[in-house]
Amino acid sequence: MPYVTPRQDTCREQTAQCLIKKFELSLCISSQG
């Protein structure tokens, strides 16, 4: 599912949160594998 921000003013914060979640998910996957 692609990550889309409806408003430009919150784009930076939401993108940062999205990247953090993706990073945590990748850590979880790598630690399990």
Protein backbone atom coordinates (compact mmCIF):
# COMPACT_ATOMS: atom_id res chain seq x y z
CA MET A 1 0.00 0.00 0.00
CA PRO A 2 1.60 3.29 -1.08
CA TYR A 3 2.06 6.01 1.49
CA VAL A 4 0.15 9.18 0.57
CA THR A 5 -0.05 12.43 2.51
CA PRO A 6 -3.22 14.46 1.90
CA ARG A 7 -1.67 17.75 3.02
CA GLN A 8 1.69 19.20 2.11
CA ASP A 9 2.22 20.93 5.47
CA THR A 10 2.19 17.63 7.37
CA CYS A 11 4.10 15.74 4.69
CA ARG A 12 7.47 15.90 6.48
CA GLU A 13 6.22 14.70 9.85
CA GLN A 14 4.09 11.94 8.37
CA THR A 15 6.91 10.79 6.10
CA ALA A 16 9.26 10.65 9.09
CA GLN A 17 6.76 8.57 11.05
CA CYS A 18 6.28 6.27 8.06
CA LEU A 19 10.03 5.77 7.67
CA ILE A 20 10.38 5.05 11.39
CA LYS A 21 7.64 2.43 11.23
CA LYS A 22 9.23 0.84 8.16
CA PHE A 23 12.60 0.83 9.95
CA GLU A 24 11.14 -0.81 13.05
CA LEU A 25 9.37 -3.37 10.87
CA SER A 26 12.60 -4.19 9.03
CA LEU A 27 14.40 -4.59 12.36
CA CYS A 28 11.68 -6.94 13.56
CA ILE A 29 11.89 -9.02 10.39
CA SER A 30 15.69 -9.16 10.42
CA SER A 31 15.78 -10.14 14.11
CA GLN A 32 13.30 -12.96 13.52
CA GLY A 33 14.99 -14.19 10.35
